Amino acid sequence: MCKKIFSRILGIVAESRPLIGECPSIDKVIIIGYRATGKSTVGRLLAHRLGWDFVDLDEWIEEKTGKSIKRIVSEKGWGMFREIERSALRKMLDMKGPLVAACGGGAVIHKDIWNASLPDGSMVVWLRARTDTISSRIDSDPLSVSRRPSLVSGKCLMNEIEAVAGEREPLYRKYADLSFDTDAMTPAEIVDLVVERIDSD
């Protein structure tokens, strides 16, 4: 990844333009963030705008296994799912660009993969949202019950979000080149800024 020199503008963590020759042109955008922050929506819109391929990592896993994430976890446990996710993440990162990829919310826990150098030309975008926004989106999504297993047993949804998102936030922040608050911005506005950043390279 390009060297990160961050500045805060209107609540957006924005990477300043790299020096000439510091990194190659961007041809892979990797979107991270907690569940229901809009990763797939923004990813599809961005890929369409750029004319690039799009991969949703969770959907890819479901297609390859023939099972929903919830069913995999129910039958095999979180440990097995994370191993499947790790393998899928490696394969996705090895794909040739141009590509937009939306990762599952927990993909950042595979620190060995993220701490290693990502492919040249990669840019990581972190999407954020308030706890109440995430909770509302999950509750209003008819697919959530069938596809999204609980991450922390015995906790209500709001407490689960606060606990798990809080644990992952340092990792999201560490690996992100750009970050956007999806409470304050529409998917189209986020795509505009990402495209502007890509064009600046």
N, C-alpha and C. Protein backbone atom coordinates (compact mmCIF):
# COMPACT_ATOMS: atom_id res chain seq x y z
N MET A 1 0.84 -1.19 0.00
CA MET A 1 0.00 0.00 0.00
C MET A 1 0.88 1.24 0.00
N CYS A 2 0.30 2.31 -0.47
CA CYS A 2 1.02 3.57 -0.46
C CYS A 2 1.26 4.01 0.97
N LYS A 3 2.29 4.80 1.19
CA LYS A 3 2.53 5.37 2.50
C LYS A 3 1.36 6.25 2.89
N LYS A 4 0.89 6.14 4.14
CA LYS A 4 -0.29 6.87 4.58
C LYS A 4 0.11 8.15 5.31
N ILE A 5 -0.39 9.27 4.86
CA ILE A 5 -0.23 10.54 5.56
C ILE A 5 -1.63 11.07 5.72
N PHE A 6 -2.23 10.93 6.92
CA PHE A 6 -3.65 11.19 7.10
C PHE A 6 -3.94 12.63 7.50
N SER A 7 -5.09 13.11 7.03
CA SER A 7 -5.63 14.39 7.48
C SER A 7 -7.11 14.19 7.70
N ARG A 8 -7.71 14.99 8.58
CA ARG A 8 -9.13 14.85 8.86
C ARG A 8 -9.88 16.02 8.25
N ILE A 9 -10.81 15.70 7.35
CA ILE A 9 -11.58 16.71 6.65
C ILE A 9 -13.04 16.33 6.73
N LEU A 10 -13.87 17.13 7.37
CA LEU A 10 -15.31 16.88 7.47
C LEU A 10 -15.61 15.48 8.01
N GLY A 11 -14.80 15.02 8.95
CA GLY A 11 -15.04 13.72 9.56
C GLY A 11 -14.55 12.56 8.73
N ILE A 12 -13.92 12.82 7.61
CA ILE A 12 -13.42 11.77 6.73
C ILE A 12 -11.92 11.63 6.95
N VAL A 13 -11.45 10.40 7.15
CA VAL A 13 -10.02 10.17 7.19
C VAL A 13 -9.56 10.05 5.75
N ALA A 14 -8.79 11.01 5.29
CA ALA A 14 -8.43 11.05 3.88
C ALA A 14 -6.93 10.95 3.71
N GLU A 15 -6.49 10.09 2.88
CA GLU A 15 -5.06 9.94 2.61
C GLU A 15 -4.62 11.03 1.65
N SER A 16 -3.52 11.70 1.99
CA SER A 16 -3.02 12.73 1.09
C SER A 16 -2.41 12.07 -0.14
N ARG A 17 -2.29 12.84 -1.21
CA ARG A 17 -1.77 12.30 -2.46
C ARG A 17 -0.32 11.87 -2.27
N PRO A 18 0.04 10.65 -2.70
CA PRO A 18 1.41 10.18 -2.55
C PRO A 18 2.35 10.92 -3.49
N LEU A 19 3.64 10.87 -3.17
CA LEU A 19 4.63 11.48 -4.03
C LEU A 19 4.71 10.72 -5.35
N ILE A 20 5.14 11.42 -6.39
CA ILE A 20 5.28 10.78 -7.70
C ILE A 20 6.17 9.55 -7.56
N GLY A 21 5.71 8.44 -8.08
CA GLY A 21 6.51 7.22 -8.06
C GLY A 21 6.44 6.46 -6.76
N GLU A 22 5.68 6.98 -5.77
CA GLU A 22 5.62 6.31 -4.47
C GLU A 22 4.83 5.01 -4.55
N CYS A 23 3.78 4.97 -5.37
CA CYS A 23 3.02 3.74 -5.52
C CYS A 23 2.38 3.70 -6.89
N PRO A 24 2.06 2.51 -7.39
CA PRO A 24 1.46 2.40 -8.71
C PRO A 24 0.02 2.87 -8.69
N SER A 25 -0.57 3.00 -9.86
CA SER A 25 -1.97 3.38 -9.95
C SER A 25 -2.84 2.35 -9.25
N ILE A 26 -3.91 2.82 -8.63
CA ILE A 26 -4.81 1.94 -7.90
C ILE A 26 -5.64 1.11 -8.87
N ASP A 27 -5.65 -0.20 -8.68
CA ASP A 27 -6.50 -1.06 -9.50
C ASP A 27 -7.24 -2.10 -8.65
N LYS A 28 -7.19 -1.92 -7.32
CA LYS A 28 -7.94 -2.81 -6.43
C LYS A 28 -8.39 -2.02 -5.20
N VAL A 29 -9.70 -1.98 -5.00
CA VAL A 29 -10.27 -1.30 -3.83
C VAL A 29 -10.88 -2.36 -2.92
N ILE A 30 -10.42 -2.41 -1.68
CA ILE A 30 -10.88 -3.40 -0.71
C ILE A 30 -11.68 -2.66 0.36
N ILE A 31 -12.94 -3.03 0.52
CA ILE A 31 -13.82 -2.33 1.45
C ILE A 31 -13.99 -3.15 2.73
N ILE A 32 -13.70 -2.52 3.87
CA ILE A 32 -13.81 -3.18 5.17
C ILE A 32 -14.78 -2.40 6.06
N GLY A 33 -15.16 -3.00 7.17
CA GLY A 33 -16.06 -2.33 8.10
C GLY A 33 -17.00 -3.34 8.74
N TYR A 34 -17.68 -2.92 9.79
CA TYR A 34 -18.61 -3.79 10.50
C TYR A 34 -19.77 -4.15 9.59
N ARG A 35 -20.50 -5.21 9.93
CA ARG A 35 -21.66 -5.62 9.14
C ARG A 35 -22.68 -4.49 9.09
N ALA A 36 -23.39 -4.41 7.97
CA ALA A 36 -24.46 -3.43 7.76
C ALA A 36 -23.99 -1.99 7.73
N THR A 37 -22.73 -1.78 7.34
CA THR A 37 -22.26 -0.40 7.16
C THR A 37 -22.30 0.03 5.70
N GLY A 38 -22.77 -0.85 4.81
CA GLY A 38 -22.93 -0.47 3.41
C GLY A 38 -21.82 -0.92 2.49
N LYS A 39 -21.02 -1.89 2.92
CA LYS A 39 -19.88 -2.31 2.12
C LYS A 39 -20.29 -2.85 0.75
N SER A 40 -21.27 -3.74 0.73
CA SER A 40 -21.71 -4.33 -0.54
C SER A 40 -22.38 -3.30 -1.44
N THR A 41 -23.19 -2.44 -0.84
CA THR A 41 -23.88 -1.40 -1.62
C THR A 41 -22.88 -0.46 -2.27
N VAL A 42 -21.95 0.05 -1.47
CA VAL A 42 -20.93 0.96 -2.01
C VAL A 42 -20.04 0.22 -2.99
N GLY A 43 -19.68 -1.01 -2.68
CA GLY A 43 -18.79 -1.77 -3.55
C GLY A 43 -19.39 -2.01 -4.93
N ARG A 44 -20.64 -2.41 -4.98
CA ARG A 44 -21.29 -2.64 -6.27
C ARG A 44 -21.40 -1.34 -7.07
N LEU A 45 -21.77 -0.27 -6.38
CA LEU A 45 -21.91 1.02 -7.05
C LEU A 45 -20.57 1.50 -7.58
N LEU A 46 -19.53 1.34 -6.78
CA LEU A 46 -18.19 1.76 -7.20
C LEU A 46 -17.71 0.93 -8.39
N ALA A 47 -17.90 -0.38 -8.33
CA ALA A 47 -17.48 -1.25 -9.43
C ALA A 47 -18.21 -0.89 -10.72
N HIS A 48 -19.50 -0.62 -10.61
CA HIS A 48 -20.28 -0.22 -11.79
C HIS A 48 -19.77 1.09 -12.34
N ARG A 49 -19.49 2.03 -11.47
CA ARG A 49 -19.00 3.34 -11.89
C ARG A 49 -17.66 3.24 -12.61
N LEU A 50 -16.79 2.38 -12.10
CA LEU A 50 -15.45 2.24 -12.67
C LEU A 50 -15.39 1.24 -13.82
N GLY A 51 -16.43 0.39 -13.93
CA GLY A 51 -16.39 -0.67 -14.93
C GLY A 51 -15.46 -1.80 -14.52
N TRP A 52 -15.30 -2.00 -13.20
CA TRP A 52 -14.42 -3.03 -12.67
C TRP A 52 -15.24 -4.24 -12.21
N ASP A 53 -14.56 -5.37 -12.00
CA ASP A 53 -15.21 -6.54 -11.42
C ASP A 53 -15.52 -6.28 -9.94
N PHE A 54 -16.52 -6.98 -9.41
CA PHE A 54 -16.88 -6.84 -8.00
C PHE A 54 -16.98 -8.21 -7.36
N VAL A 55 -16.43 -8.33 -6.15
CA VAL A 55 -16.52 -9.56 -5.36
C VAL A 55 -17.00 -9.21 -3.95
N ASP A 56 -18.06 -9.87 -3.50
CA ASP A 56 -18.48 -9.79 -2.10
C ASP A 56 -17.96 -11.06 -1.44
N LEU A 57 -17.05 -10.92 -0.49
CA LEU A 57 -16.35 -12.08 0.07
C LEU A 57 -17.32 -13.07 0.73
N ASP A 58 -18.29 -12.57 1.48
CA ASP A 58 -19.25 -13.47 2.13
C ASP A 58 -20.10 -14.22 1.10
N GLU A 59 -20.54 -13.50 0.05
CA GLU A 59 -21.33 -14.15 -0.99
C GLU A 59 -20.50 -15.18 -1.75
N TRP A 60 -19.24 -14.88 -1.94
CA TRP A 60 -18.34 -15.80 -2.63
C TRP A 60 -18.19 -17.09 -1.81
N ILE A 61 -18.02 -16.93 -0.48
CA ILE A 61 -17.92 -18.09 0.39
C ILE A 61 -19.20 -18.92 0.33
N GLU A 62 -20.35 -18.25 0.36
CA GLU A 62 -21.62 -18.96 0.30
C GLU A 62 -21.79 -19.70 -1.02
N GLU A 63 -21.34 -19.07 -2.10
CA GLU A 63 -21.44 -19.71 -3.41
C GLU A 63 -20.53 -20.94 -3.49
N LYS A 64 -19.31 -20.81 -2.98
CA LYS A 64 -18.35 -21.92 -3.06
C LYS A 64 -18.74 -23.10 -2.16
N THR A 65 -19.32 -22.79 -1.00
CA THR A 65 -19.68 -23.85 -0.05
C THR A 65 -21.10 -24.36 -0.25
N GLY A 66 -21.93 -23.57 -0.92
CA GLY A 66 -23.33 -23.93 -1.08
C GLY A 66 -24.13 -23.78 0.20
N LYS A 67 -23.59 -23.01 1.16
CA LYS A 67 -24.27 -22.81 2.44
C LYS A 67 -24.20 -21.34 2.84
N SER A 68 -25.20 -20.90 3.60
CA SER A 68 -25.16 -19.54 4.14
C SER A 68 -24.10 -19.46 5.24
N ILE A 69 -23.63 -18.24 5.52
CA ILE A 69 -22.66 -18.06 6.60
C ILE A 69 -23.23 -18.59 7.91
N LYS A 70 -24.50 -18.29 8.15
CA LYS A 70 -25.14 -18.74 9.39
C LYS A 70 -25.13 -20.26 9.50
N ARG A 71 -25.38 -20.94 8.38
CA ARG A 71 -25.40 -22.41 8.41
C ARG A 71 -24.00 -22.97 8.63
N ILE A 72 -23.01 -22.36 7.99
CA ILE A 72 -21.63 -22.83 8.19
C ILE A 72 -21.25 -22.74 9.66
N VAL A 73 -21.56 -21.59 10.27
CA VAL A 73 -21.23 -21.39 11.69
C VAL A 73 -22.01 -22.36 12.57
N SER A 74 -23.28 -22.57 12.24
CA SER A 74 -24.12 -23.48 13.03
C SER A 74 -23.60 -24.91 12.98
N GLU A 75 -23.15 -25.34 11.78
CA GLU A 75 -22.72 -26.72 11.61
C GLU A 75 -21.26 -26.95 12.00
N LYS A 76 -20.41 -25.97 11.70
CA LYS A 76 -18.97 -26.17 11.86
C LYS A 76 -18.33 -25.30 12.94
N GLY A 77 -19.04 -24.24 13.36
CA GLY A 77 -18.48 -23.34 14.36
C GLY A 77 -17.75 -22.17 13.74
N TRP A 78 -17.53 -21.14 14.57
CA TRP A 78 -16.85 -19.94 14.08
C TRP A 78 -15.42 -20.22 13.64
N GLY A 79 -14.74 -21.13 14.34
CA GLY A 79 -13.36 -21.43 13.99
C GLY A 79 -13.22 -21.92 12.56
N MET A 80 -14.08 -22.86 12.16
CA MET A 80 -14.03 -23.37 10.79
C MET A 80 -14.40 -22.29 9.79
N PHE A 81 -15.42 -21.47 10.12
CA PHE A 81 -15.78 -20.40 9.20
C PHE A 81 -14.61 -19.46 8.99
N ARG A 82 -13.90 -19.10 10.06
CA ARG A 82 -12.78 -18.18 9.93
C ARG A 82 -11.67 -18.76 9.06
N GLU A 83 -11.47 -20.07 9.12
CA GLU A 83 -10.47 -20.70 8.25
C GLU A 83 -10.91 -20.62 6.79
N ILE A 84 -12.19 -20.85 6.54
CA ILE A 84 -12.72 -20.72 5.18
C ILE A 84 -12.57 -19.27 4.71
N GLU A 85 -12.88 -18.34 5.59
CA GLU A 85 -12.77 -16.91 5.26
C GLU A 85 -11.32 -16.53 4.98
N ARG A 86 -10.39 -17.04 5.79
CA ARG A 86 -8.97 -16.75 5.59
C ARG A 86 -8.52 -17.19 4.19
N SER A 87 -8.90 -18.40 3.80
CA SER A 87 -8.54 -18.92 2.49
C SER A 87 -9.14 -18.07 1.38
N ALA A 88 -10.42 -17.70 1.54
CA ALA A 88 -11.09 -16.88 0.53
C ALA A 88 -10.45 -15.51 0.43
N LEU A 89 -10.07 -14.93 1.58
CA LEU A 89 -9.43 -13.61 1.58
C LEU A 89 -8.11 -13.65 0.83
N ARG A 90 -7.31 -14.68 1.07
CA ARG A 90 -6.04 -14.81 0.35
C ARG A 90 -6.27 -14.90 -1.16
N LYS A 91 -7.24 -15.70 -1.56
CA LYS A 91 -7.52 -15.86 -2.99
C LYS A 91 -8.00 -14.55 -3.60
N MET A 92 -8.83 -13.83 -2.85
CA MET A 92 -9.32 -12.55 -3.36
C MET A 92 -8.17 -11.56 -3.54
N LEU A 93 -7.27 -11.50 -2.58
CA LEU A 93 -6.15 -10.56 -2.68
C LEU A 93 -5.21 -10.93 -3.82
N ASP A 94 -5.18 -12.21 -4.18
CA ASP A 94 -4.33 -12.66 -5.29
C ASP A 94 -4.97 -12.41 -6.66
N MET A 95 -6.25 -12.07 -6.68
CA MET A 95 -6.92 -11.80 -7.95
C MET A 95 -6.30 -10.59 -8.65
N LYS A 96 -6.24 -10.67 -9.95
CA LYS A 96 -5.74 -9.54 -10.72
C LYS A 96 -6.82 -8.47 -10.82
N GLY A 97 -6.40 -7.22 -10.75
CA GLY A 97 -7.34 -6.12 -10.90
C GLY A 97 -7.60 -5.84 -12.37
N PRO A 98 -8.47 -4.87 -12.64
CA PRO A 98 -9.13 -4.00 -11.68
C PRO A 98 -10.28 -4.71 -10.96
N LEU A 99 -10.38 -4.45 -9.65
CA LEU A 99 -11.34 -5.19 -8.82
C LEU A 99 -11.77 -4.35 -7.63
N VAL A 100 -13.06 -4.43 -7.30
CA VAL A 100 -13.58 -3.90 -6.05
C VAL A 100 -14.05 -5.09 -5.23
N ALA A 101 -13.62 -5.16 -3.97
CA ALA A 101 -13.98 -6.29 -3.11
C ALA A 101 -14.55 -5.79 -1.79
N ALA A 102 -15.69 -6.35 -1.39
CA ALA A 102 -16.30 -6.04 -0.09
C ALA A 102 -16.04 -7.21 0.84
N CYS A 103 -15.34 -6.95 1.94
CA CYS A 103 -15.01 -8.02 2.89
C CYS A 103 -16.07 -8.17 3.96
N GLY A 104 -16.14 -9.36 4.54
CA GLY A 104 -17.00 -9.55 5.70
C GLY A 104 -16.49 -8.71 6.86
N GLY A 105 -17.36 -8.43 7.81
CA GLY A 105 -16.99 -7.55 8.91
C GLY A 105 -15.81 -8.04 9.73
N GLY A 106 -15.65 -9.37 9.83
CA GLY A 106 -14.57 -9.92 10.64
C GLY A 106 -13.31 -10.26 9.88
N ALA A 107 -13.25 -9.95 8.60
CA ALA A 107 -12.08 -10.33 7.79
C ALA A 107 -10.79 -9.69 8.30
N VAL A 108 -10.91 -8.56 9.00
CA VAL A 108 -9.70 -7.87 9.48
C VAL A 108 -9.01 -8.62 10.62
N ILE A 109 -9.65 -9.64 11.19
CA ILE A 109 -8.99 -10.34 12.30
C ILE A 109 -7.85 -11.23 11.82
N HIS A 110 -7.77 -11.44 10.51
CA HIS A 110 -6.68 -12.25 9.96
C HIS A 110 -5.45 -11.35 9.80
N LYS A 111 -4.86 -11.01 10.94
CA LYS A 111 -3.83 -9.98 10.98
C LYS A 111 -2.60 -10.34 10.16
N ASP A 112 -2.26 -11.62 10.10
CA ASP A 112 -1.08 -12.01 9.35
C ASP A 112 -1.20 -11.64 7.89
N ILE A 113 -2.41 -11.75 7.35
CA ILE A 113 -2.64 -11.40 5.94
C ILE A 113 -2.56 -9.89 5.75
N TRP A 114 -3.23 -9.15 6.63
CA TRP A 114 -3.27 -7.69 6.48
C TRP A 114 -1.93 -7.04 6.81
N ASN A 115 -1.19 -7.63 7.76
CA ASN A 115 0.09 -7.04 8.14
C ASN A 115 1.15 -7.27 7.08
N ALA A 116 0.97 -8.31 6.28
CA ALA A 116 1.86 -8.51 5.14
C ALA A 116 1.51 -7.44 4.10
N SER A 117 2.42 -7.17 3.22
CA SER A 117 2.17 -6.15 2.21
C SER A 117 1.03 -6.57 1.31
N LEU A 118 0.02 -5.71 1.19
CA LEU A 118 -1.07 -5.98 0.25
C LEU A 118 -0.54 -5.77 -1.16
N PRO A 119 -1.23 -6.32 -2.16
CA PRO A 119 -0.75 -6.17 -3.54
C PRO A 119 -0.57 -4.71 -3.92
N ASP A 120 0.45 -4.43 -4.71
CA ASP A 120 0.66 -3.07 -5.21
C ASP A 120 -0.60 -2.59 -5.90
N GLY A 121 -0.93 -1.33 -5.70
CA GLY A 121 -2.11 -0.77 -6.33
C GLY A 121 -3.38 -0.97 -5.55
N SER A 122 -3.28 -1.51 -4.31
CA SER A 122 -4.47 -1.73 -3.48
C SER A 122 -4.78 -0.49 -2.64
N MET A 123 -6.06 -0.24 -2.45
CA MET A 123 -6.51 0.82 -1.55
C MET A 123 -7.60 0.24 -0.66
N VAL A 124 -7.50 0.46 0.65
CA VAL A 124 -8.46 -0.07 1.61
C VAL A 124 -9.37 1.04 2.10
N VAL A 125 -10.68 0.82 1.96
CA VAL A 125 -11.69 1.80 2.36
C VAL A 125 -12.49 1.24 3.53
N TRP A 126 -12.56 2.00 4.61
CA TRP A 126 -13.29 1.58 5.82
C TRP A 126 -14.59 2.36 5.91
N LEU A 127 -15.72 1.65 5.98
CA LEU A 127 -17.03 2.28 6.14
C LEU A 127 -17.48 2.13 7.59
N ARG A 128 -17.94 3.25 8.17
CA ARG A 128 -18.36 3.27 9.57
C ARG A 128 -19.82 3.67 9.68
N ALA A 129 -20.43 3.37 10.82
CA ALA A 129 -21.79 3.83 11.13
C ALA A 129 -21.99 3.75 12.64
N ARG A 130 -22.94 4.53 13.15
CA ARG A 130 -23.25 4.49 14.57
C ARG A 130 -23.88 3.15 14.94
N THR A 131 -23.78 2.80 16.20
CA THR A 131 -24.35 1.54 16.69
C THR A 131 -25.84 1.45 16.40
N ASP A 132 -26.58 2.54 16.66
CA ASP A 132 -28.02 2.50 16.44
C ASP A 132 -28.37 2.37 14.97
N THR A 133 -27.54 2.95 14.11
CA THR A 133 -27.76 2.83 12.67
C THR A 133 -27.56 1.39 12.22
N ILE A 134 -26.48 0.78 12.67
CA ILE A 134 -26.20 -0.61 12.31
C ILE A 134 -27.32 -1.52 12.79
N SER A 135 -27.76 -1.31 14.02
CA SER A 135 -28.84 -2.12 14.59
C SER A 135 -30.11 -1.99 13.77
N SER A 136 -30.44 -0.76 13.40
CA SER A 136 -31.65 -0.52 12.61
C SER A 136 -31.57 -1.18 11.24
N ARG A 137 -30.39 -1.11 10.61
CA ARG A 137 -30.21 -1.71 9.29
C ARG A 137 -30.33 -3.23 9.37
N ILE A 138 -29.76 -3.83 10.40
CA ILE A 138 -29.86 -5.28 10.55
C ILE A 138 -31.30 -5.70 10.79
N ASP A 139 -32.00 -4.96 11.65
CA ASP A 139 -33.39 -5.29 11.96
C ASP A 139 -34.30 -5.16 10.74
N SER A 140 -33.98 -4.21 9.85
CA SER A 140 -34.85 -3.97 8.70
C SER A 140 -34.47 -4.79 7.48
N ASP A 141 -33.38 -5.57 7.58
CA ASP A 141 -32.92 -6.40 6.47
C ASP A 141 -33.50 -7.80 6.61
N PRO A 142 -34.38 -8.20 5.70
CA PRO A 142 -35.01 -9.53 5.81
C PRO A 142 -34.02 -10.68 5.71
N LEU A 143 -32.84 -10.43 5.15
CA LEU A 143 -31.85 -11.49 5.01
C LEU A 143 -30.98 -11.66 6.25
N SER A 144 -31.02 -10.68 7.16
CA SER A 144 -30.14 -10.73 8.32
C SER A 144 -30.36 -11.96 9.18
N VAL A 145 -31.61 -12.27 9.44
CA VAL A 145 -31.92 -13.41 10.32
C VAL A 145 -31.41 -14.71 9.72
N SER A 146 -31.55 -14.85 8.39
CA SER A 146 -31.18 -16.11 7.75
C SER A 146 -29.69 -16.19 7.41
N ARG A 147 -29.01 -15.04 7.29
CA ARG A 147 -27.63 -15.06 6.81
C ARG A 147 -26.59 -14.66 7.84
N ARG A 148 -26.98 -13.82 8.81
CA ARG A 148 -25.98 -13.28 9.74
C ARG A 148 -26.10 -13.93 11.11
N PRO A 149 -25.17 -14.79 11.47
CA PRO A 149 -25.22 -15.42 12.80
C PRO A 149 -24.81 -14.43 13.87
N SER A 150 -25.29 -14.64 15.09
CA SER A 150 -24.88 -13.80 16.21
C SER A 150 -23.39 -13.97 16.45
N LEU A 151 -22.72 -12.85 16.75
CA LEU A 151 -21.28 -12.89 16.97
C LEU A 151 -20.93 -13.14 18.43
N VAL A 152 -21.82 -12.73 19.33
CA VAL A 152 -21.58 -12.89 20.77
C VAL A 152 -22.85 -13.45 21.39
N SER A 153 -22.83 -14.67 21.86
CA SER A 153 -24.03 -15.28 22.42
C SER A 153 -24.41 -14.60 23.74
N GLY A 154 -25.72 -14.50 23.95
CA GLY A 154 -26.21 -13.96 25.21
C GLY A 154 -26.28 -12.46 25.30
N LYS A 155 -25.96 -11.76 24.23
CA LYS A 155 -26.01 -10.30 24.24
C LYS A 155 -27.13 -9.81 23.33
N CYS A 156 -27.76 -8.69 23.70
CA CYS A 156 -28.73 -8.08 22.80
C CYS A 156 -27.96 -7.48 21.63
N LEU A 157 -28.67 -7.16 20.55
CA LEU A 157 -28.01 -6.72 19.32
C LEU A 157 -27.16 -5.47 19.55
N MET A 158 -27.69 -4.46 20.24
CA MET A 158 -26.94 -3.22 20.46
C MET A 158 -25.66 -3.50 21.24
N ASN A 159 -25.75 -4.32 22.28
CA ASN A 159 -24.56 -4.64 23.07
C ASN A 159 -23.56 -5.44 22.26
N GLU A 160 -24.06 -6.33 21.41
CA GLU A 160 -23.18 -7.12 20.55
C GLU A 160 -22.40 -6.21 19.61
N ILE A 161 -23.11 -5.27 18.99
CA ILE A 161 -22.46 -4.35 18.06
C ILE A 161 -21.38 -3.53 18.77
N GLU A 162 -21.73 -2.98 19.93
CA GLU A 162 -20.77 -2.16 20.67
C GLU A 162 -19.54 -2.97 21.06
N ALA A 163 -19.75 -4.21 21.49
CA ALA A 163 -18.63 -5.04 21.94
C ALA A 163 -17.73 -5.44 20.78
N VAL A 164 -18.32 -5.98 19.73
CA VAL A 164 -17.52 -6.52 18.63
C VAL A 164 -16.91 -5.40 17.78
N ALA A 165 -17.71 -4.38 17.46
CA ALA A 165 -17.18 -3.26 16.67
C ALA A 165 -16.07 -2.56 17.43
N GLY A 166 -16.22 -2.46 18.76
CA GLY A 166 -15.18 -1.83 19.57
C GLY A 166 -13.87 -2.61 19.51
N GLU A 167 -13.95 -3.93 19.52
CA GLU A 167 -12.75 -4.76 19.42
C GLU A 167 -12.07 -4.61 18.07
N ARG A 168 -12.88 -4.48 17.03
CA ARG A 168 -12.31 -4.46 15.67
C ARG A 168 -11.88 -3.07 15.21
N GLU A 169 -12.39 -2.04 15.85
CA GLU A 169 -12.12 -0.68 15.35
C GLU A 169 -10.63 -0.38 15.20
N PRO A 170 -9.76 -0.76 16.15
CA PRO A 170 -8.33 -0.49 15.94
C PRO A 170 -7.77 -1.14 14.68
N LEU A 171 -8.30 -2.30 14.32
CA LEU A 171 -7.83 -2.98 13.10
C LEU A 171 -8.36 -2.28 11.86
N TYR A 172 -9.64 -1.91 11.86
CA TYR A 172 -10.18 -1.16 10.73
C TYR A 172 -9.35 0.11 10.51
N ARG A 173 -9.09 0.81 11.61
CA ARG A 173 -8.35 2.07 11.52
C ARG A 173 -6.93 1.85 11.02
N LYS A 174 -6.30 0.79 11.49
CA LYS A 174 -4.91 0.50 11.12
C LYS A 174 -4.76 0.23 9.63
N TYR A 175 -5.70 -0.53 9.06
CA TYR A 175 -5.53 -0.99 7.69
C TYR A 175 -6.14 -0.04 6.65
N ALA A 176 -6.93 0.94 7.09
CA ALA A 176 -7.65 1.80 6.14
C ALA A 176 -6.77 2.89 5.54
N ASP A 177 -6.96 3.12 4.26
CA ASP A 177 -6.38 4.28 3.58
C ASP A 177 -7.38 5.44 3.57
N LEU A 178 -8.65 5.10 3.47
CA LEU A 178 -9.73 6.09 3.50
C LEU A 178 -10.83 5.57 4.41
N SER A 179 -11.54 6.49 5.07
CA SER A 179 -12.64 6.08 5.92
C SER A 179 -13.80 7.05 5.77
N PHE A 180 -15.03 6.50 5.73
CA PHE A 180 -16.22 7.33 5.54
C PHE A 180 -17.30 6.94 6.54
N ASP A 181 -18.00 7.95 7.04
CA ASP A 181 -19.12 7.76 7.95
C ASP A 181 -20.39 7.63 7.12
N THR A 182 -20.97 6.43 7.09
CA THR A 182 -22.14 6.22 6.24
C THR A 182 -23.43 6.76 6.85
N ASP A 183 -23.35 7.27 8.09
CA ASP A 183 -24.49 8.00 8.65
C ASP A 183 -24.63 9.35 7.98
N ALA A 184 -23.48 9.92 7.61
CA ALA A 184 -23.46 11.30 7.13
C ALA A 184 -23.41 11.41 5.61
N MET A 185 -23.14 10.31 4.92
CA MET A 185 -22.94 10.35 3.48
C MET A 185 -23.75 9.26 2.79
N THR A 186 -24.20 9.54 1.57
CA THR A 186 -24.88 8.53 0.77
C THR A 186 -23.85 7.65 0.07
N PRO A 187 -24.23 6.45 -0.36
CA PRO A 187 -23.31 5.62 -1.12
C PRO A 187 -22.74 6.34 -2.34
N ALA A 188 -23.57 7.11 -3.03
CA ALA A 188 -23.11 7.82 -4.23
C ALA A 188 -22.06 8.86 -3.88
N GLU A 189 -22.23 9.55 -2.75
CA GLU A 189 -21.24 10.55 -2.33
C GLU A 189 -19.92 9.88 -1.98
N ILE A 190 -19.98 8.74 -1.33
CA ILE A 190 -18.76 8.01 -1.00
C ILE A 190 -18.05 7.56 -2.27
N VAL A 191 -18.81 7.03 -3.21
CA VAL A 191 -18.22 6.58 -4.48
C VAL A 191 -17.55 7.75 -5.20
N ASP A 192 -18.18 8.90 -5.20
CA ASP A 192 -17.58 10.07 -5.85
C ASP A 192 -16.20 10.37 -5.28
N LEU A 193 -16.07 10.33 -3.95
CA LEU A 193 -14.80 10.65 -3.31
C LEU A 193 -13.75 9.56 -3.55
N VAL A 194 -14.18 8.31 -3.57
CA VAL A 194 -13.23 7.23 -3.85
C VAL A 194 -12.72 7.33 -5.28
N VAL A 195 -13.62 7.59 -6.21
CA VAL A 195 -13.22 7.74 -7.62
C VAL A 195 -12.27 8.93 -7.77
N GLU A 196 -12.56 10.01 -7.07
CA GLU A 196 -11.68 11.18 -7.12
C GLU A 196 -10.29 10.83 -6.62
N ARG A 197 -10.24 10.03 -5.55
CA ARG A 197 -8.95 9.61 -4.99
C ARG A 197 -8.20 8.71 -5.97
N ILE A 198 -8.91 7.80 -6.62
CA ILE A 198 -8.28 6.93 -7.61
C ILE A 198 -7.75 7.75 -8.78
N ASP A 199 -8.55 8.69 -9.25
CA ASP A 199 -8.14 9.52 -10.39
C ASP A 199 -6.94 10.38 -10.06
N SER A 200 -6.78 10.74 -8.77
CA SER A 200 -5.65 11.60 -8.38
C SER A 200 -4.33 10.86 -8.47
N ASP A 201 -4.40 9.53 -8.53
CA ASP A 201 -3.18 8.73 -8.68
C ASP A 201 -2.86 8.47 -10.14
